Protein backbone atom coordinates (compact mmCIF):
# COMPACT_ATOMS: atom_id res chain seq x y z
CA UNK A 1 53.28 -2.82 -1.38
CA UNK A 2 53.05 -6.43 -0.46
CA UNK A 3 55.66 -7.98 2.07
CA UNK A 4 55.56 -11.61 1.53
CA UNK A 5 56.73 -13.76 4.55
CA UNK A 6 56.14 -16.71 6.45
CA UNK A 7 56.66 -20.55 6.03
CA UNK A 8 55.96 -22.15 2.79
CA UNK A 9 53.17 -23.33 1.70
CA UNK A 10 51.44 -20.37 3.37
CA UNK A 11 53.74 -17.88 1.93
CA UNK A 12 52.71 -19.15 -1.67
CA UNK A 13 49.37 -19.20 -0.81
CA UNK A 14 49.41 -15.67 0.56
CA UNK A 15 51.27 -14.62 -2.65
CA UNK A 16 48.62 -16.39 -5.00
CA UNK A 17 45.75 -14.95 -2.84
CA UNK A 18 47.10 -11.22 -3.25
CA UNK A 19 47.63 -11.44 -6.94
CA UNK A 20 44.03 -13.25 -7.43
CA UNK A 21 42.11 -10.89 -4.98
CA UNK A 22 39.46 -8.58 -6.67
CA UNK A 23 41.04 -5.98 -4.29
CA UNK A 24 44.70 -5.92 -5.31
CA UNK A 25 45.11 -7.57 -8.79
CA UNK A 26 44.12 -4.16 -10.58
CA UNK A 27 46.30 -1.96 -8.47
CA UNK A 28 49.93 -1.14 -9.05
CA UNK A 29 51.51 -3.53 -6.79
CA UNK A 30 55.23 -3.59 -5.55
CA UNK A 31 55.62 -7.14 -4.09
CA UNK A 32 58.91 -8.00 -2.13
CA UNK A 33 59.85 -11.36 -0.76
CA UNK A 34 59.06 -13.48 -3.81
CA UNK A 35 61.97 -15.07 -5.65
CA UNK A 36 59.78 -15.93 -8.72
CA UNK A 37 56.80 -14.51 -10.39
CA UNK A 38 53.74 -16.49 -10.70
CA UNK A 39 51.48 -13.87 -12.28
CA UNK A 40 51.33 -12.28 -15.63
CA UNK A 41 49.90 -8.97 -14.35
CA UNK A 42 51.28 -5.86 -16.32
CA UNK A 43 50.81 -3.43 -13.57
CA UNK A 44 52.95 -4.64 -10.89
CA UNK A 45 56.58 -5.39 -9.89
CA UNK A 46 57.82 -8.55 -7.94
CA UNK A 47 61.07 -8.54 -6.10
CA UNK A 48 63.15 -11.35 -4.35
CA UNK A 49 64.00 -11.03 -0.66
CA UNK A 50 65.74 -7.65 -0.10
CA UNK A 51 66.98 -5.66 2.99
CA UNK A 52 65.05 -2.94 4.79
CA UNK A 53 67.17 -0.22 3.07
CA UNK A 54 65.56 -1.22 -0.38
CA UNK A 55 62.15 -1.30 0.97
CA UNK A 56 62.63 1.82 2.61
CA UNK A 57 63.43 3.44 -0.63
CA UNK A 58 60.22 2.17 -2.08
CA UNK A 59 58.21 3.01 0.81
CA UNK A 60 56.08 6.02 0.86
CA UNK A 61 53.40 7.16 3.44
CA UNK A 62 50.72 7.20 0.76
CA UNK A 63 51.17 3.38 0.09
CA UNK A 64 49.15 0.70 1.65
CA UNK A 65 51.29 -1.99 2.86
CA UNK A 66 49.87 -5.76 3.02
CA UNK A 67 51.74 -7.59 5.40
CA UNK A 68 51.48 -10.50 7.74
CA UNK A 69 50.62 -9.87 11.47
CA UNK A 70 53.92 -10.92 12.99
CA UNK A 71 55.54 -8.94 15.63
CA UNK A 72 58.73 -7.90 13.82
CA UNK A 73 56.27 -6.77 10.74
CA UNK A 74 53.96 -4.86 12.98
CA UNK A 75 56.84 -2.97 14.78
CA UNK A 76 58.39 -2.15 11.48
CA UNK A 77 55.31 -0.88 10.05
CA UNK A 78 54.53 1.18 13.08
CA UNK A 79 57.93 2.62 13.33
CA UNK A 80 57.39 3.54 9.55
CA UNK A 81 54.22 5.08 10.34
CA UNK A 82 52.75 2.75 7.54
CA UNK A 83 49.08 2.37 6.46
CA UNK A 84 48.57 -1.25 6.59
CA UNK A 85 46.24 -4.29 6.02
CA UNK A 86 47.36 -7.26 8.10
CA UNK A 87 46.82 -10.89 7.13
CA UNK A 88 48.05 -13.45 9.76
CA UNK A 89 49.54 -16.57 8.69
CA UNK A 90 46.85 -19.43 9.12
CA UNK A 91 47.92 -21.69 11.89
CA UNK A 92 50.05 -19.35 13.70
CA UNK A 93 48.05 -18.33 16.85
CA UNK A 94 50.31 -15.63 17.78
CA UNK A 95 49.56 -13.87 14.39
CA UNK A 96 45.88 -14.35 14.77
CA UNK A 97 46.15 -12.92 18.21
CA UNK A 98 47.99 -10.01 17.32
CA UNK A 99 45.52 -9.15 14.38
CA UNK A 100 42.49 -9.42 16.42
CA UNK A 101 44.41 -7.05 18.94
CA UNK A 102 45.23 -4.58 16.21
CA UNK A 103 41.76 -4.59 15.14
CA UNK A 104 40.23 -4.06 18.34
CA UNK A 105 42.65 -1.76 20.23
CA UNK A 106 43.85 0.15 17.28
CA UNK A 107 41.30 0.10 14.63
CA UNK A 108 43.64 -1.76 12.08
CA UNK A 109 42.34 -3.62 8.99
CA UNK A 110 43.08 -7.51 9.44
CA UNK A 111 41.78 -9.92 6.85
CA UNK A 112 42.00 -13.70 7.09
CA UNK A 113 43.92 -15.22 4.24
CA UNK A 114 40.92 -17.24 2.71
CA UNK A 115 38.90 -14.14 2.92
CA UNK A 116 41.11 -12.41 0.01
CA UNK A 117 38.72 -13.87 -2.40
CA UNK A 118 35.44 -12.37 -0.72
CA UNK A 119 34.05 -9.05 -1.82
CA UNK A 120 34.88 -6.37 0.47
CA UNK A 121 34.65 -2.86 -1.13
CA UNK A 122 35.12 -0.93 1.98
CA UNK A 123 38.68 -2.66 2.57
CA UNK A 124 40.39 0.70 1.77
CA UNK A 125 38.53 2.94 3.48
CA UNK A 126 39.79 4.59 6.62
CA UNK A 127 43.11 2.92 6.77
CA UNK A 128 45.14 4.80 8.97
CA UNK A 129 48.86 4.28 10.37
CA UNK A 130 49.46 2.40 13.42
CA UNK A 131 50.57 5.03 16.08
CA UNK A 132 51.70 3.01 18.92
CA UNK A 133 52.76 4.65 22.22
CA UNK A 134 56.28 3.75 23.14
CA UNK A 135 54.79 1.71 26.15
CA UNK A 136 52.89 -0.44 23.78
CA UNK A 137 56.18 -1.32 21.70
CA UNK A 138 57.21 -3.09 25.30
CA UNK A 139 53.83 -4.32 25.57
CA UNK A 140 53.89 -6.46 22.05
CA UNK A 141 57.26 -7.48 22.71
CA UNK A 142 56.20 -9.01 26.45
CA UNK A 143 53.24 -10.81 24.74
CA UNK A 144 55.30 -12.89 21.97
């Protein structure tokens, strides 16, 4: 499951990077947040901007969610107990910081947007849900 977000033109670059990545283009993708499809891949579905209820209906704890490392995305995914790969929006220092923090303190997988093209066969190994103690919800809130 991919949750597209962020300012344009980075949002489009993120989408393009995902569908052209060697890791994601042959998987069954469910993409949310795209108002138009730019791919012809037969094995995935793209949806426009939808509310959390619609995403929740599609969410399955077995899914791997690919999302930005923004505060609200992190909190939503932690609340759901989602397995996620975080990709910070280039130029947004708070997302870069949060991605580094998630990787170093919570063993979460983070990838730079420009690295979506690189070979990284280990990317899907050992992805664990982000289990945050309640005190960390307040910690994240305080640093944003």
